[in-house]
């Protein structure tokens, strides 16, 4: 299952995600991961959440992000929820057809391994491709 939260900068996406992450820390029975670009969430999320700073791993494309997520799961089968803050900033692009393809892959990966994904994208939701909007 994938949920995309999309909106322009300053629309409250990160605040909403922080609330969801902290709720997941209390309700999930497995490991919860949060991938972010920068260290802005460090003091806001529950200490049980595994916080991963994407810049430390030189993730610059959707292909690299697929490999990164696959590798995290391969090393820890107890992951139940992954939050990705600012997807297009991590992958280095715009919200486009490549984003759609990545979300479709992520949805399939999540269904195969019983992992939920919650993702924020900083962009105008009205301009999102239909393939992205289906995950709103």
C-alpha atoms as a PDB file:
ATOM      1  CA  UNK A   1       0.000   0.000   0.000  1.00  0.00           C
ATOM      2  CA  UNK A   2       1.257   3.436  -0.927  1.00  0.00           C
ATOM      3  CA  UNK A   3       0.027   6.802   0.223  1.00  0.00           C
ATOM      4  CA  UNK A   4       1.349   9.966  -1.415  1.00  0.00           C
ATOM      5  CA  UNK A   5       1.022  13.337   0.288  1.00  0.00           C
ATOM      6  CA  UNK A   6       1.652  16.034  -2.262  1.00  0.00           C
ATOM      7  CA  UNK A   7       1.565  19.803  -2.024  1.00  0.00           C
ATOM      8  CA  UNK A   8       3.594  22.931  -2.481  1.00  0.00           C
ATOM      9  CA  UNK A   9       6.326  23.889  -0.038  1.00  0.00           C
ATOM     10  CA  UNK A  10       4.833  25.110   3.234  1.00  0.00           C
ATOM     11  CA  UNK A  11       1.517  23.265   2.838  1.00  0.00           C
ATOM     12  CA  UNK A  12       1.999  21.107   5.970  1.00  0.00           C
ATOM     13  CA  UNK A  13       3.147  17.839   4.383  1.00  0.00           C
ATOM     14  CA  UNK A  14       6.065  17.305   6.741  1.00  0.00           C
ATOM     15  CA  UNK A  15       4.010  18.089   9.832  1.00  0.00           C
ATOM     16  CA  UNK A  16       1.389  15.567   8.711  1.00  0.00           C
ATOM     17  CA  UNK A  17       4.110  12.997   8.040  1.00  0.00           C
ATOM     18  CA  UNK A  18       5.705  13.532  11.475  1.00  0.00           C
ATOM     19  CA  UNK A  19       2.340  12.811  13.116  1.00  0.00           C
ATOM     20  CA  UNK A  20       1.943   9.662  11.011  1.00  0.00           C
ATOM     21  CA  UNK A  21       5.496   8.499  11.788  1.00  0.00           C
ATOM     22  CA  UNK A  22       5.018   8.949  15.522  1.00  0.00           C
ATOM     23  CA  UNK A  23       1.674   7.128  15.380  1.00  0.00           C
ATOM     24  CA  UNK A  24       3.330   4.278  13.467  1.00  0.00           C
ATOM     25  CA  UNK A  25       5.970   4.024  16.207  1.00  0.00           C
ATOM     26  CA  UNK A  26       3.167   3.176  18.621  1.00  0.00           C
ATOM     27  CA  UNK A  27       1.042   0.911  16.411  1.00  0.00           C
ATOM     28  CA  UNK A  28       3.330  -0.950  13.989  1.00  0.00           C
ATOM     29  CA  UNK A  29       4.480  -4.393  15.095  1.00  0.00           C
ATOM     30  CA  UNK A  30       7.601  -4.312  12.945  1.00  0.00           C
ATOM     31  CA  UNK A  31      10.350  -1.843  12.129  1.00  0.00           C
ATOM     32  CA  UNK A  32       9.518   1.605  10.786  1.00  0.00           C
ATOM     33  CA  UNK A  33      12.005   3.459   8.578  1.00  0.00           C
ATOM     34  CA  UNK A  34      12.040   7.105   7.544  1.00  0.00           C
ATOM     35  CA  UNK A  35      14.188   8.205   4.602  1.00  0.00           C
ATOM     36  CA  UNK A  36      14.780  11.944   4.404  1.00  0.00           C
ATOM     37  CA  UNK A  37      17.103  14.407   2.694  1.00  0.00           C
ATOM     38  CA  UNK A  38      18.751  16.525   5.373  1.00  0.00           C
ATOM     39  CA  UNK A  39      18.414  16.215   9.129  1.00  0.00           C
ATOM     40  CA  UNK A  40      15.225  18.159   9.706  1.00  0.00           C
ATOM     41  CA  UNK A  41      13.223  15.334  11.339  1.00  0.00           C
ATOM     42  CA  UNK A  42      15.801  14.174  13.886  1.00  0.00           C
ATOM     43  CA  UNK A  43      14.240  15.867  16.914  1.00  0.00           C
ATOM     44  CA  UNK A  44      10.609  15.485  15.831  1.00  0.00           C
ATOM     45  CA  UNK A  45      10.193  11.752  15.445  1.00  0.00           C
ATOM     46  CA  UNK A  46      10.057   8.946  18.005  1.00  0.00           C
ATOM     47  CA  UNK A  47      13.406   7.395  18.880  1.00  0.00           C
ATOM     48  CA  UNK A  48      12.240   3.912  17.802  1.00  0.00           C
ATOM     49  CA  UNK A  49      12.039   5.047  14.186  1.00  0.00           C
ATOM     50  CA  UNK A  50      15.099   4.289  12.042  1.00  0.00           C
ATOM     51  CA  UNK A  51      15.961   7.620  10.455  1.00  0.00           C
ATOM     52  CA  UNK A  52      18.037   7.413   7.266  1.00  0.00           C
ATOM     53  CA  UNK A  53      19.620  10.506   5.762  1.00  0.00           C
ATOM     54  CA  UNK A  54      19.626   9.859   2.004  1.00  0.00           C
ATOM     55  CA  UNK A  55      22.519  12.239   1.278  1.00  0.00           C
ATOM     56  CA  UNK A  56      24.852   9.898   3.162  1.00  0.00           C
ATOM     57  CA  UNK A  57      24.237   7.225   0.508  1.00  0.00           C
ATOM     58  CA  UNK A  58      24.479   9.260  -2.715  1.00  0.00           C
ATOM     59  CA  UNK A  59      20.995   8.335  -3.908  1.00  0.00           C
ATOM     60  CA  UNK A  60      20.428  10.402  -7.038  1.00  0.00           C
ATOM     61  CA  UNK A  61      17.937   8.463  -9.135  1.00  0.00           C
ATOM     62  CA  UNK A  62      14.886   6.248  -8.861  1.00  0.00           C
ATOM     63  CA  UNK A  63      17.014   3.259  -9.861  1.00  0.00           C
ATOM     64  CA  UNK A  64      19.388   3.925  -6.963  1.00  0.00           C
ATOM     65  CA  UNK A  65      16.435   4.378  -4.596  1.00  0.00           C
ATOM     66  CA  UNK A  66      14.957   1.039  -5.718  1.00  0.00           C
ATOM     67  CA  UNK A  67      18.256  -0.665  -4.939  1.00  0.00           C
ATOM     68  CA  UNK A  68      18.524   1.135  -1.609  1.00  0.00           C
ATOM     69  CA  UNK A  69      15.027   0.100  -0.497  1.00  0.00           C
ATOM     70  CA  UNK A  70      15.559  -3.465  -1.733  1.00  0.00           C
ATOM     71  CA  UNK A  71      18.836  -3.654   0.177  1.00  0.00           C
ATOM     72  CA  UNK A  72      17.256  -2.349   3.371  1.00  0.00           C
ATOM     73  CA  UNK A  73      14.572  -5.007   3.132  1.00  0.00           C
ATOM     74  CA  UNK A  74      17.082  -7.738   2.295  1.00  0.00           C
ATOM     75  CA  UNK A  75      18.927  -6.947   5.513  1.00  0.00           C
ATOM     76  CA  UNK A  76      15.787  -6.612   7.661  1.00  0.00           C
ATOM     77  CA  UNK A  77      12.650  -8.626   6.890  1.00  0.00           C
ATOM     78  CA  UNK A  78      10.837  -7.047   9.852  1.00  0.00           C
ATOM     79  CA  UNK A  79      10.257  -3.702   8.092  1.00  0.00           C
ATOM     80  CA  UNK A  80       6.527  -2.934   8.031  1.00  0.00           C
ATOM     81  CA  UNK A  81       6.404   0.749   7.046  1.00  0.00           C
ATOM     82  CA  UNK A  82       8.754   3.056   5.156  1.00  0.00           C
ATOM     83  CA  UNK A  83       8.240   6.812   5.063  1.00  0.00           C
ATOM     84  CA  UNK A  84       9.993   8.805   2.342  1.00  0.00           C
ATOM     85  CA  UNK A  85      10.085  12.571   2.840  1.00  0.00           C
ATOM     86  CA  UNK A  86      10.585  14.672  -0.308  1.00  0.00           C
ATOM     87  CA  UNK A  87      10.790  11.858  -2.864  1.00  0.00           C
ATOM     88  CA  UNK A  88      11.744  13.991  -5.856  1.00  0.00           C
ATOM     89  CA  UNK A  89      14.522  15.735  -3.909  1.00  0.00           C
ATOM     90  CA  UNK A  90      16.012  12.360  -2.953  1.00  0.00           C
ATOM     91  CA  UNK A  91      15.722  10.933  -6.481  1.00  0.00           C
ATOM     92  CA  UNK A  92      16.846  14.164  -8.108  1.00  0.00           C
ATOM     93  CA  UNK A  93      14.078  15.067 -10.512  1.00  0.00           C
ATOM     94  CA  UNK A  94      10.597  16.344 -11.106  1.00  0.00           C
ATOM     95  CA  UNK A  95       7.273  14.620 -10.524  1.00  0.00           C
ATOM     96  CA  UNK A  96       6.870  12.976 -13.935  1.00  0.00           C
ATOM     97  CA  UNK A  97       6.446   9.627 -15.707  1.00  0.00           C
ATOM     98  CA  UNK A  98       9.580   8.309 -14.026  1.00  0.00           C
ATOM     99  CA  UNK A  99       7.959   9.073 -10.666  1.00  0.00           C
ATOM    100  CA  UNK A 100       4.860   7.159 -11.776  1.00  0.00           C
ATOM    101  CA  UNK A 101       6.971   4.143 -12.735  1.00  0.00           C
ATOM    102  CA  UNK A 102       8.800   4.250  -9.409  1.00  0.00           C
ATOM    103  CA  UNK A 103       5.537   4.431  -7.430  1.00  0.00           C
ATOM    104  CA  UNK A 104       4.128   1.487  -9.399  1.00  0.00           C
ATOM    105  CA  UNK A 105       7.281  -0.513  -8.635  1.00  0.00           C
ATOM    106  CA  UNK A 106       7.087   0.523  -4.973  1.00  0.00           C
ATOM    107  CA  UNK A 107       3.442  -0.525  -4.765  1.00  0.00           C
ATOM    108  CA  UNK A 108       4.263  -3.951  -6.211  1.00  0.00           C
ATOM    109  CA  UNK A 109       7.282  -4.313  -3.896  1.00  0.00           C
ATOM    110  CA  UNK A 110       5.139  -3.344  -0.896  1.00  0.00           C
ATOM    111  CA  UNK A 111       2.445  -5.882  -1.775  1.00  0.00           C
ATOM    112  CA  UNK A 112       5.018  -8.659  -2.235  1.00  0.00           C
ATOM    113  CA  UNK A 113       6.689  -7.977   1.107  1.00  0.00           C
ATOM    114  CA  UNK A 114       3.774  -6.584   3.150  1.00  0.00           C
ATOM    115  CA  UNK A 115       5.320  -3.121   3.570  1.00  0.00           C
ATOM    116  CA  UNK A 116       3.379   0.149   3.686  1.00  0.00           C
ATOM    117  CA  UNK A 117       4.869   3.280   2.141  1.00  0.00           C
ATOM    118  CA  UNK A 118       4.013   6.892   2.896  1.00  0.00           C
ATOM    119  CA  UNK A 119       5.659   9.463   0.656  1.00  0.00           C
ATOM    120  CA  UNK A 120       5.722  13.248   0.425  1.00  0.00           C
ATOM    121  CA  UNK A 121       6.323  15.115  -2.824  1.00  0.00           C
ATOM    122  CA  UNK A 122       6.839  18.885  -2.896  1.00  0.00           C
ATOM    123  CA  UNK A 123       4.957  19.990  -5.978  1.00  0.00           C
ATOM    124  CA  UNK A 124       1.532  21.229  -7.024  1.00  0.00           C
ATOM    125  CA  UNK A 125      -0.857  18.290  -6.621  1.00  0.00           C
ATOM    126  CA  UNK A 126      -3.042  19.594  -9.452  1.00  0.00           C
ATOM    127  CA  UNK A 127      -0.137  19.167 -11.886  1.00  0.00           C
ATOM    128  CA  UNK A 128       0.642  15.580 -10.856  1.00  0.00           C
ATOM    129  CA  UNK A 129       0.373  12.870 -13.524  1.00  0.00           C
ATOM    130  CA  UNK A 130      -2.636  10.548 -13.175  1.00  0.00           C
ATOM    131  CA  UNK A 131      -0.285   7.693 -12.286  1.00  0.00           C
ATOM    132  CA  UNK A 132       0.790   9.637  -9.191  1.00  0.00           C
ATOM    133  CA  UNK A 133      -2.703  10.892  -8.300  1.00  0.00           C
ATOM    134  CA  UNK A 134      -3.996   7.343  -7.943  1.00  0.00           C
ATOM    135  CA  UNK A 135      -1.878   7.052  -4.785  1.00  0.00           C
ATOM    136  CA  UNK A 136      -3.345  10.161  -3.082  1.00  0.00           C
END
